Amino acid sequence: MSGPRLPGGVVHRLPRDLRAELIGSPTAMHAWRDITPLARNEFICWVEDAKQAATRARRIRRTREELEEGQRRPCCWPGCAHRERTGR
């Protein structure tokens, strides 16, 4: 994988399809680098939790849009069930 290096989350690694969408938007890429690892983890988990390809594609697009709008966490997401309550 070439191009800008983008960090993943606390538990989840950044998937290639989400990475490609972020790289396509300088605003979203800057916001991604600016949010906390826990916030990145929430976005990644939200995308990975999609059951259908169409849902995943929509969530990837919404992640870019929400980051471009200045949101720092996914809207209406209860949070990643994969991390411990201690934040790890």
C-alpha atoms as a PDB file:
ATOM      1  CA  MET A   1       0.000   0.000   0.000  1.00  0.00           C
ATOM      2  CA  SER A   2       1.523   3.300  -1.034  1.00  0.00           C
ATOM      3  CA  GLY A   3       0.494   6.836  -0.325  1.00  0.00           C
ATOM      4  CA  PRO A   4       0.029   8.723   2.912  1.00  0.00           C
ATOM      5  CA  ARG A   5       0.311   6.776   6.136  1.00  0.00           C
ATOM      6  CA  LEU A   6      -2.915   6.847   8.141  1.00  0.00           C
ATOM      7  CA  PRO A   7      -3.293   5.468  11.658  1.00  0.00           C
ATOM      8  CA  GLY A   8      -5.886   2.891  12.652  1.00  0.00           C
ATOM      9  CA  GLY A   9      -7.841   2.620  15.868  1.00  0.00           C
ATOM     10  CA  VAL A  10      -7.128   1.159  19.276  1.00  0.00           C
ATOM     11  CA  VAL A  11      -8.495  -2.298  18.452  1.00  0.00           C
ATOM     12  CA  HIS A  12      -9.209  -2.149  14.717  1.00  0.00           C
ATOM     13  CA  ARG A  13      -6.830  -1.683  11.804  1.00  0.00           C
ATOM     14  CA  LEU A  14      -7.768   0.785   9.082  1.00  0.00           C
ATOM     15  CA  PRO A  15      -9.386  -1.177   6.216  1.00  0.00           C
ATOM     16  CA  ARG A  16      -8.162  -0.518   2.681  1.00  0.00           C
ATOM     17  CA  ASP A  17     -11.511   0.668   1.338  1.00  0.00           C
ATOM     18  CA  LEU A  18     -11.935   3.228   4.130  1.00  0.00           C
ATOM     19  CA  ARG A  19      -8.319   4.325   3.743  1.00  0.00           C
ATOM     20  CA  ALA A  20      -8.841   4.917   0.008  1.00  0.00           C
ATOM     21  CA  GLU A  21     -11.916   7.065   0.707  1.00  0.00           C
ATOM     22  CA  LEU A  22     -10.030   9.155   3.284  1.00  0.00           C
ATOM     23  CA  ILE A  23      -7.049   9.664   0.986  1.00  0.00           C
ATOM     24  CA  GLY A  24      -9.437  10.988  -1.672  1.00  0.00           C
ATOM     25  CA  SER A  25     -10.392  13.901   0.582  1.00  0.00           C
ATOM     26  CA  PRO A  26      -7.656  16.099   2.084  1.00  0.00           C
ATOM     27  CA  THR A  27     -10.179  17.522   4.590  1.00  0.00           C
ATOM     28  CA  ALA A  28     -11.275  14.080   5.781  1.00  0.00           C
ATOM     29  CA  MET A  29      -7.669  12.843   5.886  1.00  0.00           C
ATOM     30  CA  HIS A  30      -6.621  15.784   8.056  1.00  0.00           C
ATOM     31  CA  ALA A  31      -9.615  15.248  10.365  1.00  0.00           C
ATOM     32  CA  TRP A  32      -8.794  11.508  10.611  1.00  0.00           C
ATOM     33  CA  ARG A  33      -5.295  12.312  11.798  1.00  0.00           C
ATOM     34  CA  ASP A  34      -6.665  14.876  14.258  1.00  0.00           C
ATOM     35  CA  ILE A  35      -9.220  12.658  16.058  1.00  0.00           C
ATOM     36  CA  THR A  36      -8.243  10.353  18.905  1.00  0.00           C
ATOM     37  CA  PRO A  37      -7.363   6.687  18.389  1.00  0.00           C
ATOM     38  CA  LEU A  38     -10.601   5.772  20.207  1.00  0.00           C
ATOM     39  CA  ALA A  39     -12.630   7.933  17.811  1.00  0.00           C
ATOM     40  CA  ARG A  40     -10.877   6.333  14.804  1.00  0.00           C
ATOM     41  CA  ASN A  41     -11.668   2.944  16.335  1.00  0.00           C
ATOM     42  CA  GLU A  42     -15.373   3.848  16.518  1.00  0.00           C
ATOM     43  CA  PHE A  43     -15.507   4.831  12.840  1.00  0.00           C
ATOM     44  CA  ILE A  44     -13.656   1.668  11.779  1.00  0.00           C
ATOM     45  CA  CYS A  45     -15.867  -0.585  13.907  1.00  0.00           C
ATOM     46  CA  TRP A  46     -18.988   1.086  12.528  1.00  0.00           C
ATOM     47  CA  VAL A  47     -17.819   0.399   8.963  1.00  0.00           C
ATOM     48  CA  GLU A  48     -16.718  -3.168   9.760  1.00  0.00           C
ATOM     49  CA  ASP A  49     -20.035  -3.926  11.475  1.00  0.00           C
ATOM     50  CA  ALA A  50     -21.987  -3.566   8.204  1.00  0.00           C
ATOM     51  CA  LYS A  51     -23.521  -6.851   7.080  1.00  0.00           C
ATOM     52  CA  GLN A  52     -24.031  -5.961   3.403  1.00  0.00           C
ATOM     53  CA  ALA A  53     -21.620  -4.465   0.877  1.00  0.00           C
ATOM     54  CA  ALA A  54     -24.044  -1.620   0.109  1.00  0.00           C
ATOM     55  CA  THR A  55     -24.274  -0.718   3.791  1.00  0.00           C
ATOM     56  CA  ARG A  56     -20.495  -0.800   4.146  1.00  0.00           C
ATOM     57  CA  ALA A  57     -20.069   1.466   1.102  1.00  0.00           C
ATOM     58  CA  ARG A  58     -22.655   3.897   2.502  1.00  0.00           C
ATOM     59  CA  ARG A  59     -20.908   3.953   5.904  1.00  0.00           C
ATOM     60  CA  ILE A  60     -17.534   4.584   4.296  1.00  0.00           C
ATOM     61  CA  ARG A  61     -19.004   7.502   2.339  1.00  0.00           C
ATOM     62  CA  ARG A  62     -20.709   8.836   5.484  1.00  0.00           C
ATOM     63  CA  THR A  63     -17.453   8.567   7.438  1.00  0.00           C
ATOM     64  CA  ARG A  64     -15.775  10.824   4.885  1.00  0.00           C
ATOM     65  CA  GLU A  65     -18.708  13.237   4.891  1.00  0.00           C
ATOM     66  CA  GLU A  66     -18.951  13.376   8.683  1.00  0.00           C
ATOM     67  CA  LEU A  67     -15.221  14.018   9.030  1.00  0.00           C
ATOM     68  CA  GLU A  68     -15.443  16.760   6.386  1.00  0.00           C
ATOM     69  CA  GLU A  69     -18.279  18.331   8.409  1.00  0.00           C
ATOM     70  CA  GLY A  70     -16.161  18.316  11.569  1.00  0.00           C
ATOM     71  CA  GLN A  71     -17.766  15.415  13.414  1.00  0.00           C
ATOM     72  CA  ARG A  72     -15.366  13.530  15.628  1.00  0.00           C
ATOM     73  CA  ARG A  73     -17.406  10.339  16.229  1.00  0.00           C
ATOM     74  CA  PRO A  74     -19.856   8.394  14.055  1.00  0.00           C
ATOM     75  CA  CYS A  75     -23.384   9.691  14.383  1.00  0.00           C
ATOM     76  CA  CYS A  76     -25.878   7.411  16.125  1.00  0.00           C
ATOM     77  CA  TRP A  77     -23.363   4.636  16.906  1.00  0.00           C
ATOM     78  CA  PRO A  78     -23.485   3.138  20.421  1.00  0.00           C
ATOM     79  CA  GLY A  79     -19.760   2.443  20.332  1.00  0.00           C
ATOM     80  CA  CYS A  80     -17.365  -0.373  19.606  1.00  0.00           C
ATOM     81  CA  ALA A  81     -18.263  -3.539  21.454  1.00  0.00           C
ATOM     82  CA  HIS A  82     -14.737  -4.899  20.894  1.00  0.00           C
ATOM     83  CA  ARG A  83     -12.890  -2.673  23.343  1.00  0.00           C
ATOM     84  CA  GLU A  84     -12.842  -2.916  27.099  1.00  0.00           C
ATOM     85  CA  ARG A  85     -14.519  -0.259  29.202  1.00  0.00           C
ATOM     86  CA  THR A  86     -11.054   0.902  30.296  1.00  0.00           C
ATOM     87  CA  GLY A  87     -10.501   2.313  26.813  1.00  0.00           C
ATOM     88  CA  ARG A  88      -8.219  -0.456  25.547  1.00  0.00           C
END
